[in-house]
Amino acid sequence: MDCNGFKRWLISRDDCEGNLTRQAHKHREDCPDCNQLYTADEGLEQAFSNSMRMTPPPSGLARRARQRAEAEARPTGAKRPGWLWKGFAPALAIGLLLVVWNPWANPLTSLETIGNFALANHSRTDMTMAFTADEIPDPQEWFYQRLNFRVAMPNFSQRQLTFLGGRECTIGPKKAAYLYYDDNGKRVSVFVMPARQIKFPLQAERRYRIDAIQYSVELWKMDAMVCILVQELNPDTLSTT
């Protein structure tokens, strides 16, 4: 199995047979990039699972959704076959339940969840820059035209990071600016989004950090924006943590 085959397996792995799964795990053992992609995907699944357990539907919501489904889909005019309605009504009720109560509508409620989304974006190998630093003289205006909010560009002069370019992306369901930087040959990903989209308190002068295997994720508030930085940990850092 090659890297493209592994990515196809990762997308549909729940439906794959055992032999293909064994080939995929054998490939990721020999391929650091695919192993990182797998780890990020596992982290996202765990975050979704935790969010689902932590967010039970309101009492009586399923009953109200079923009643709404029956009212919306009640036959008018020509009579519908009974067998069709028996299968259609529960499906419509479930659909309405997901519309009325959507636990993923705003999952940005913890540093770990945001870190998983950012790390998954950083680990993707099929993402390219929409513009390079020398193509766009005003990145803030470029992002404003596409995201409808002003992106504050972080100052990394002390860290000697070189800005390479950017593109638009999402952190969970929320739009964000994705800024590419170079740190002595290593890619550094920086995500910028409005602070109002983060649903837990942030101290203005504090830098939050979590380490995920060989990566570091930092988050801090910058005026009305939140910055999320993902970078690979140095080997000497790994040996001491």
C-alpha atoms as a PDB file:
ATOM      1  CA  MET A   1       0.000   0.000   0.000  1.00  0.00           C
ATOM      2  CA  ASP A   2       1.261   3.503  -0.874  1.00  0.00           C
ATOM      3  CA  CYS A   3       0.413   6.875   0.717  1.00  0.00           C
ATOM      4  CA  ASN A   4      -2.553   7.539  -1.587  1.00  0.00           C
ATOM      5  CA  GLY A   5      -3.980   4.119  -0.812  1.00  0.00           C
ATOM      6  CA  PHE A   6      -3.556   4.783   2.897  1.00  0.00           C
ATOM      7  CA  LYS A   7      -5.485   8.067   2.641  1.00  0.00           C
ATOM      8  CA  ARG A   8      -8.318   6.310   0.804  1.00  0.00           C
ATOM      9  CA  TRP A   9      -8.387   3.658   3.528  1.00  0.00           C
ATOM     10  CA  LEU A  10      -8.400   6.296   6.269  1.00  0.00           C
ATOM     11  CA  ILE A  11     -11.481   7.968   4.782  1.00  0.00           C
ATOM     12  CA  SER A  12     -13.483   4.728   4.543  1.00  0.00           C
ATOM     13  CA  ARG A  13     -11.751   2.535   7.131  1.00  0.00           C
ATOM     14  CA  ASP A  14     -14.971   1.675   8.971  1.00  0.00           C
ATOM     15  CA  ASP A  15     -16.156  -0.203   5.881  1.00  0.00           C
ATOM     16  CA  CYS A  16     -12.845  -1.864   4.972  1.00  0.00           C
ATOM     17  CA  GLU A  17     -12.043  -5.547   5.314  1.00  0.00           C
ATOM     18  CA  GLY A  18      -9.408  -6.920   7.657  1.00  0.00           C
ATOM     19  CA  ASN A  19      -6.699  -7.535   5.048  1.00  0.00           C
ATOM     20  CA  LEU A  20      -6.799  -3.956   3.793  1.00  0.00           C
ATOM     21  CA  THR A  21      -6.692  -2.671   7.359  1.00  0.00           C
ATOM     22  CA  ARG A  22      -3.621  -4.773   8.102  1.00  0.00           C
ATOM     23  CA  GLN A  23      -1.905  -3.363   4.998  1.00  0.00           C
ATOM     24  CA  ALA A  24      -2.754   0.183   6.096  1.00  0.00           C
ATOM     25  CA  HIS A  25      -1.308  -0.286   9.586  1.00  0.00           C
ATOM     26  CA  LYS A  26       1.807  -1.916   8.119  1.00  0.00           C
ATOM     27  CA  HIS A  27       2.252   1.091   5.812  1.00  0.00           C
ATOM     28  CA  ARG A  28       1.897   3.691   8.569  1.00  0.00           C
ATOM     29  CA  GLU A  29       4.503   1.857  10.659  1.00  0.00           C
ATOM     30  CA  ASP A  30       6.991   2.566   7.866  1.00  0.00           C
ATOM     31  CA  CYS A  31       5.706   6.037   6.867  1.00  0.00           C
ATOM     32  CA  PRO A  32       5.983   8.875   9.445  1.00  0.00           C
ATOM     33  CA  ASP A  33       3.719  11.218   7.428  1.00  0.00           C
ATOM     34  CA  CYS A  34       0.853   8.720   7.232  1.00  0.00           C
ATOM     35  CA  ASN A  35       1.324   7.791  10.875  1.00  0.00           C
ATOM     36  CA  GLN A  36       0.964  11.468  11.838  1.00  0.00           C
ATOM     37  CA  LEU A  37      -2.180  11.704   9.714  1.00  0.00           C
ATOM     38  CA  TYR A  38      -3.598   8.613  11.425  1.00  0.00           C
ATOM     39  CA  THR A  39      -2.782   9.998  14.879  1.00  0.00           C
ATOM     40  CA  ALA A  40      -4.494  13.303  14.092  1.00  0.00           C
ATOM     41  CA  ASP A  41      -7.563  11.473  12.769  1.00  0.00           C
ATOM     42  CA  GLU A  42      -7.726   9.356  15.927  1.00  0.00           C
ATOM     43  CA  GLY A  43      -7.524  12.521  18.031  1.00  0.00           C
ATOM     44  CA  LEU A  44     -10.427  14.085  16.141  1.00  0.00           C
ATOM     45  CA  GLU A  45     -12.573  10.977  16.572  1.00  0.00           C
ATOM     46  CA  GLN A  46     -11.861  10.976  20.307  1.00  0.00           C
ATOM     47  CA  ALA A  47     -12.746  14.676  20.559  1.00  0.00           C
ATOM     48  CA  PHE A  48     -16.036  14.073  18.742  1.00  0.00           C
ATOM     49  CA  SER A  49     -16.799  11.092  20.975  1.00  0.00           C
ATOM     50  CA  ASN A  50     -16.073  13.064  24.142  1.00  0.00           C
ATOM     51  CA  SER A  51     -18.201  15.982  22.951  1.00  0.00           C
ATOM     52  CA  MET A  52     -21.118  13.663  22.229  1.00  0.00           C
ATOM     53  CA  ARG A  53     -20.956  12.150  25.705  1.00  0.00           C
ATOM     54  CA  MET A  54     -20.711  15.570  27.322  1.00  0.00           C
ATOM     55  CA  THR A  55     -23.684  17.062  25.427  1.00  0.00           C
ATOM     56  CA  PRO A  56     -26.895  15.093  26.001  1.00  0.00           C
ATOM     57  CA  PRO A  57     -29.970  16.198  24.010  1.00  0.00           C
ATOM     58  CA  PRO A  58     -32.492  18.304  25.918  1.00  0.00           C
ATOM     59  CA  SER A  59     -35.337  16.412  27.574  1.00  0.00           C
ATOM     60  CA  GLY A  60     -38.250  15.718  25.233  1.00  0.00           C
ATOM     61  CA  LEU A  61     -36.369  16.833  22.117  1.00  0.00           C
ATOM     62  CA  ALA A  62     -36.737  13.504  20.311  1.00  0.00           C
ATOM     63  CA  ARG A  63     -40.494  13.492  20.972  1.00  0.00           C
ATOM     64  CA  ARG A  64     -40.889  17.066  19.677  1.00  0.00           C
ATOM     65  CA  ALA A  65     -38.807  16.273  16.604  1.00  0.00           C
ATOM     66  CA  ARG A  66     -40.982  13.220  15.874  1.00  0.00           C
ATOM     67  CA  GLN A  67     -44.151  15.273  16.204  1.00  0.00           C
ATOM     68  CA  ARG A  68     -42.727  17.939  13.914  1.00  0.00           C
ATOM     69  CA  ALA A  69     -41.730  15.275  11.380  1.00  0.00           C
ATOM     70  CA  GLU A  70     -45.233  13.827  11.364  1.00  0.00           C
ATOM     71  CA  ALA A  71     -46.760  17.281  10.851  1.00  0.00           C
ATOM     72  CA  GLU A  72     -44.327  18.246   8.082  1.00  0.00           C
ATOM     73  CA  ALA A  73     -44.570  14.964   6.183  1.00  0.00           C
ATOM     74  CA  ARG A  74     -48.308  14.258   6.589  1.00  0.00           C
ATOM     75  CA  PRO A  75     -49.718  13.318   3.169  1.00  0.00           C
ATOM     76  CA  THR A  76     -51.832  15.924   1.393  1.00  0.00           C
ATOM     77  CA  GLY A  77     -53.944  15.173  -1.668  1.00  0.00           C
ATOM     78  CA  ALA A  78     -52.881  11.772  -3.023  1.00  0.00           C
ATOM     79  CA  LYS A  79     -52.605   9.069  -0.389  1.00  0.00           C
ATOM     80  CA  ARG A  80     -49.056   7.783   0.203  1.00  0.00           C
ATOM     81  CA  PRO A  81     -48.346   4.063   0.602  1.00  0.00           C
ATOM     82  CA  GLY A  82     -48.269   3.030   4.259  1.00  0.00           C
ATOM     83  CA  TRP A  83     -44.984   1.127   3.908  1.00  0.00           C
ATOM     84  CA  LEU A  84     -43.250   4.223   2.564  1.00  0.00           C
ATOM     85  CA  TRP A  85     -44.457   6.457   5.391  1.00  0.00           C
ATOM     86  CA  LYS A  86     -43.462   3.928   8.080  1.00  0.00           C
ATOM     87  CA  GLY A  87     -39.869   4.072   6.902  1.00  0.00           C
ATOM     88  CA  PHE A  88     -39.840   7.739   6.012  1.00  0.00           C
ATOM     89  CA  ALA A  89     -41.231   9.208   9.248  1.00  0.00           C
ATOM     90  CA  PRO A  90     -38.479   7.898  11.588  1.00  0.00           C
ATOM     91  CA  ALA A  91     -35.781   8.964   9.129  1.00  0.00           C
ATOM     92  CA  LEU A  92     -37.257  12.448   8.874  1.00  0.00           C
ATOM     93  CA  ALA A  93     -37.561  12.640  12.656  1.00  0.00           C
ATOM     94  CA  ILE A  94     -33.882  11.783  13.034  1.00  0.00           C
ATOM     95  CA  GLY A  95     -32.981  14.402  10.432  1.00  0.00           C
ATOM     96  CA  LEU A  96     -34.988  17.065  12.227  1.00  0.00           C
ATOM     97  CA  LEU A  97     -33.423  16.018  15.526  1.00  0.00           C
ATOM     98  CA  LEU A  98     -29.974  16.656  14.086  1.00  0.00           C
ATOM     99  CA  VAL A  99     -31.093  20.037  12.744  1.00  0.00           C
ATOM    100  CA  VAL A 100     -32.684  21.131  16.025  1.00  0.00           C
ATOM    101  CA  TRP A 101     -29.973  19.659  18.258  1.00  0.00           C
ATOM    102  CA  ASN A 102     -26.541  19.576  16.680  1.00  0.00           C
ATOM    103  CA  PRO A 103     -23.760  18.804  19.184  1.00  0.00           C
ATOM    104  CA  TRP A 104     -21.123  19.785  16.581  1.00  0.00           C
ATOM    105  CA  ALA A 105     -22.609  23.247  15.956  1.00  0.00           C
ATOM    106  CA  ASN A 106     -19.964  24.793  18.198  1.00  0.00           C
ATOM    107  CA  PRO A 107     -17.490  22.240  19.570  1.00  0.00           C
ATOM    108  CA  LEU A 108     -14.755  24.783  20.356  1.00  0.00           C
ATOM    109  CA  THR A 109     -15.199  24.430  24.107  1.00  0.00           C
ATOM    110  CA  SER A 110     -11.767  23.193  25.189  1.00  0.00           C
ATOM    111  CA  LEU A 111      -8.107  23.671  24.380  1.00  0.00           C
ATOM    112  CA  GLU A 112      -7.752  19.965  23.568  1.00  0.00           C
ATOM    113  CA  THR A 113     -10.557  20.045  20.991  1.00  0.00           C
ATOM    114  CA  ILE A 114      -9.142  23.115  19.258  1.00  0.00           C
ATOM    115  CA  GLY A 115      -5.675  21.570  19.324  1.00  0.00           C
ATOM    116  CA  ASN A 116      -6.961  18.419  17.616  1.00  0.00           C
ATOM    117  CA  PHE A 117      -8.592  20.426  14.826  1.00  0.00           C
ATOM    118  CA  ALA A 118      -5.457  22.542  14.320  1.00  0.00           C
ATOM    119  CA  LEU A 119      -3.146  19.518  14.362  1.00  0.00           C
ATOM    120  CA  ALA A 120      -5.323  17.716  11.808  1.00  0.00           C
ATOM    121  CA  ASN A 121      -5.062  20.724   9.462  1.00  0.00           C
ATOM    122  CA  HIS A 122      -1.311  20.954   9.997  1.00  0.00           C
ATOM    123  CA  SER A 123      -0.811  17.237   9.295  1.00  0.00           C
ATOM    124  CA  ARG A 124      -2.680  17.183   5.991  1.00  0.00           C
ATOM    125  CA  THR A 125      -0.323  16.711   3.044  1.00  0.00           C
ATOM    126  CA  ASP A 126      -2.849  17.668   0.351  1.00  0.00           C
ATOM    127  CA  MET A 127      -3.165  21.309   1.418  1.00  0.00           C
ATOM    128  CA  THR A 128      -1.323  24.029  -0.486  1.00  0.00           C
ATOM    129  CA  MET A 129      -1.039  27.786  -0.089  1.00  0.00           C
ATOM    130  CA  ALA A 130      -3.680  29.864  -1.883  1.00  0.00           C
ATOM    131  CA  PHE A 131      -1.167  32.713  -2.113  1.00  0.00           C
ATOM    132  CA  THR A 132       2.509  33.255  -1.363  1.00  0.00           C
ATOM    133  CA  ALA A 133       3.916  36.145   0.625  1.00  0.00           C
ATOM    134  CA  ASP A 134       5.290  37.858  -2.482  1.00  0.00           C
ATOM    135  CA  GLU A 135       2.001  37.570  -4.407  1.00  0.00           C
ATOM    136  CA  ILE A 136      -0.327  39.381  -1.985  1.00  0.00           C
ATOM    137  CA  PRO A 137       0.810  42.763  -0.639  1.00  0.00           C
ATOM    138  CA  ASP A 138      -2.033  42.920   1.905  1.00  0.00           C
ATOM    139  CA  PRO A 139      -2.900  39.494   3.384  1.00  0.00           C
ATOM    140  CA  GLN A 140      -5.340  41.087   5.845  1.00  0.00           C
ATOM    141  CA  GLU A 141      -7.485  42.441   2.998  1.00  0.00           C
ATOM    142  CA  TRP A 142      -7.239  39.121   1.135  1.00  0.00           C
ATOM    143  CA  PHE A 143      -8.626  37.246   4.145  1.00  0.00           C
ATOM    144  CA  TYR A 144     -11.277  39.892   4.821  1.00  0.00           C
ATOM    145  CA  GLN A 145     -12.714  39.439   1.336  1.00  0.00           C
ATOM    146  CA  ARG A 146     -13.102  35.687   1.976  1.00  0.00           C
ATOM    147  CA  LEU A 147     -13.704  35.351   5.702  1.00  0.00           C
ATOM    148  CA  ASN A 148     -15.507  38.625   6.423  1.00  0.00           C
ATOM    149  CA  PHE A 149     -13.360  39.451   9.445  1.00  0.00           C
ATOM    150  CA  ARG A 150     -10.085  41.325   9.857  1.00  0.00           C
ATOM    151  CA  VAL A 151      -7.169  39.001  10.489  1.00  0.00           C
ATOM    152  CA  ALA A 152      -4.549  40.303  12.902  1.00  0.00           C
ATOM    153  CA  MET A 153      -1.114  39.220  11.712  1.00  0.00           C
ATOM    154  CA  PRO A 154       0.954  37.968  14.689  1.00  0.00           C
ATOM    155  CA  ASN A 155       4.434  39.387  15.285  1.00  0.00           C
ATOM    156  CA  PHE A 156       7.078  36.654  15.228  1.00  0.00           C
ATOM    157  CA  SER A 157      10.147  38.875  14.884  1.00  0.00           C
ATOM    158  CA  GLN A 158      11.677  37.494  18.089  1.00  0.00           C
ATOM    159  CA  ARG A 159      11.183  33.907  16.964  1.00  0.00           C
ATOM    160  CA  GLN A 160      12.619  34.640  13.507  1.00  0.00           C
ATOM    161  CA  LEU A 161       9.792  32.918  11.636  1.00  0.00           C
ATOM    162  CA  THR A 162       9.481  33.691   7.922  1.00  0.00           C
ATOM    163  CA  PHE A 163       5.985  34.232   6.522  1.00  0.00           C
ATOM    164  CA  LEU A 164       5.474  32.124   3.371  1.00  0.00           C
ATOM    165  CA  GLY A 165       1.788  32.529   2.486  1.00  0.00           C
ATOM    166  CA  GLY A 166      -1.682  31.449   3.488  1.00  0.00           C
ATOM    167  CA  ARG A 167      -5.125  30.163   2.682  1.00  0.00           C
ATOM    168  CA  GLU A 168      -8.559  30.006   4.280  1.00  0.00           C
ATOM    169  CA  CYS A 169      -9.531  26.960   6.324  1.00  0.00           C
ATOM    170  CA  THR A 170     -11.771  25.866   9.177  1.00  0.00           C
ATOM    171  CA  ILE A 171     -11.176  24.987  12.816  1.00  0.00           C
ATOM    172  CA  GLY A 172     -14.087  22.659  13.443  1.00  0.00           C
ATOM    173  CA  PRO A 173     -17.135  24.409  11.965  1.00  0.00           C
ATOM    174  CA  LYS A 174     -15.610  27.902  12.198  1.00  0.00           C
ATOM    175  CA  LYS A 175     -13.759  29.776   9.479  1.00  0.00           C
ATOM    176  CA  ALA A 176     -10.134  30.683  10.121  1.00  0.00           C
ATOM    177  CA  ALA A 177      -7.096  32.112   8.382  1.00  0.00           C
ATOM    178  CA  TYR A 178      -4.246  29.656   7.866  1.00  0.00           C
ATOM    179  CA  LEU A 179      -0.783  31.289   7.790  1.00  0.00           C
ATOM    180  CA  TYR A 180       2.287  29.332   6.705  1.00  0.00           C
ATOM    181  CA  TYR A 181       5.656  30.136   8.282  1.00  0.00           C
ATOM    182  CA  ASP A 182       9.144  28.686   7.960  1.00  0.00           C
ATOM    183  CA  ASP A 183      11.363  27.940  10.962  1.00  0.00           C
ATOM    184  CA  ASN A 184      14.778  26.887   9.670  1.00  0.00           C
ATOM    185  CA  GLY A 185      13.274  24.542   7.105  1.00  0.00           C
ATOM    186  CA  LYS A 186      10.344  23.344   9.235  1.00  0.00           C
ATOM    187  CA  ARG A 187       6.769  24.358   8.489  1.00  0.00           C
ATOM    188  CA  VAL A 188       4.916  26.224  11.217  1.00  0.00           C
ATOM    189  CA  SER A 189       1.130  26.554  10.948  1.00  0.00           C
ATOM    190  CA  VAL A 190      -0.667  29.529  12.477  1.00  0.00           C
ATOM    191  CA  PHE A 191      -4.458  29.789  12.586  1.00  0.00           C
ATOM    192  CA  VAL A 192      -6.215  33.089  13.308  1.00  0.00           C
ATOM    193  CA  MET A 193      -9.914  33.390  14.114  1.00  0.00           C
ATOM    194  CA  PRO A 194     -12.225  35.708  16.096  1.00  0.00           C
ATOM    195  CA  ALA A 195     -11.997  35.182  19.853  1.00  0.00           C
ATOM    196  CA  ARG A 196     -15.802  35.179  20.116  1.00  0.00           C
ATOM    197  CA  GLN A 197     -15.840  31.752  18.447  1.00  0.00           C
ATOM    198  CA  ILE A 198     -13.933  30.203  21.368  1.00  0.00           C
ATOM    199  CA  LYS A 199     -16.426  29.153  24.023  1.00  0.00           C
ATOM    200  CA  PHE A 200     -14.205  29.018  27.081  1.00  0.00           C
ATOM    201  CA  PRO A 201     -12.515  31.885  28.976  1.00  0.00           C
ATOM    202  CA  LEU A 202      -9.080  33.016  27.816  1.00  0.00           C
ATOM    203  CA  GLN A 203      -6.730  35.220  29.802  1.00  0.00           C
ATOM    204  CA  ALA A 204      -5.387  38.014  27.624  1.00  0.00           C
ATOM    205  CA  GLU A 205      -1.744  37.749  28.760  1.00  0.00           C
ATOM    206  CA  ARG A 206      -1.521  33.966  28.967  1.00  0.00           C
ATOM    207  CA  ARG A 207      -0.174  31.466  26.424  1.00  0.00           C
ATOM    208  CA  TYR A 208      -1.840  28.075  26.534  1.00  0.00           C
ATOM    209  CA  ARG A 209       0.118  25.039  25.340  1.00  0.00           C
ATOM    210  CA  ILE A 210      -0.398  21.333  24.838  1.00  0.00           C
ATOM    211  CA  ASP A 211       2.073  18.795  23.432  1.00  0.00           C
ATOM    212  CA  ALA A 212       0.777  16.061  21.119  1.00  0.00           C
ATOM    213  CA  ILE A 213       3.346  13.320  20.426  1.00  0.00           C
ATOM    214  CA  GLN A 214       5.970  15.255  18.432  1.00  0.00           C
ATOM    215  CA  TYR A 215       4.056  18.505  18.026  1.00  0.00           C
ATOM    216  CA  SER A 216       3.398  21.538  20.151  1.00  0.00           C
ATOM    217  CA  VAL A 217       0.144  23.514  19.987  1.00  0.00           C
ATOM    218  CA  GLU A 218       0.065  27.037  21.437  1.00  0.00           C
ATOM    219  CA  LEU A 219      -2.976  29.266  21.771  1.00  0.00           C
ATOM    220  CA  TRP A 220      -3.188  32.884  22.852  1.00  0.00           C
ATOM    221  CA  LYS A 221      -5.521  35.849  22.601  1.00  0.00           C
ATOM    222  CA  MET A 222      -4.508  38.853  20.536  1.00  0.00           C
ATOM    223  CA  ASP A 223      -7.016  41.711  20.883  1.00  0.00           C
ATOM    224  CA  ALA A 224     -10.256  40.393  19.323  1.00  0.00           C
ATOM    225  CA  MET A 225      -8.474  37.467  17.670  1.00  0.00           C
ATOM    226  CA  VAL A 226      -7.193  34.079  18.811  1.00  0.00           C
ATOM    227  CA  CYS A 227      -3.962  32.633  17.407  1.00  0.00           C
ATOM    228  CA  ILE A 228      -3.214  28.915  17.322  1.00  0.00           C
ATOM    229  CA  LEU A 229       0.326  27.828  16.448  1.00  0.00           C
ATOM    230  CA  VAL A 230       1.347  24.271  15.558  1.00  0.00           C
ATOM    231  CA  GLN A 231       4.981  23.274  15.160  1.00  0.00           C
ATOM    232  CA  GLU A 232       7.146  20.185  15.397  1.00  0.00           C
ATOM    233  CA  LEU A 233       9.002  19.719  18.652  1.00  0.00           C
ATOM    234  CA  ASN A 234      12.795  19.680  18.487  1.00  0.00           C
ATOM    235  CA  PRO A 235      14.514  16.327  19.171  1.00  0.00           C
ATOM    236  CA  ASP A 236      16.160  17.698  22.334  1.00  0.00           C
ATOM    237  CA  THR A 237      12.733  18.848  23.569  1.00  0.00           C
ATOM    238  CA  LEU A 238      11.285  15.382  22.959  1.00  0.00           C
ATOM    239  CA  SER A 239      14.025  13.747  24.996  1.00  0.00           C
ATOM    240  CA  THR A 240      13.313  15.883  28.057  1.00  0.00           C
ATOM    241  CA  THR A 241       9.495  15.734  28.143  1.00  0.00           C
END
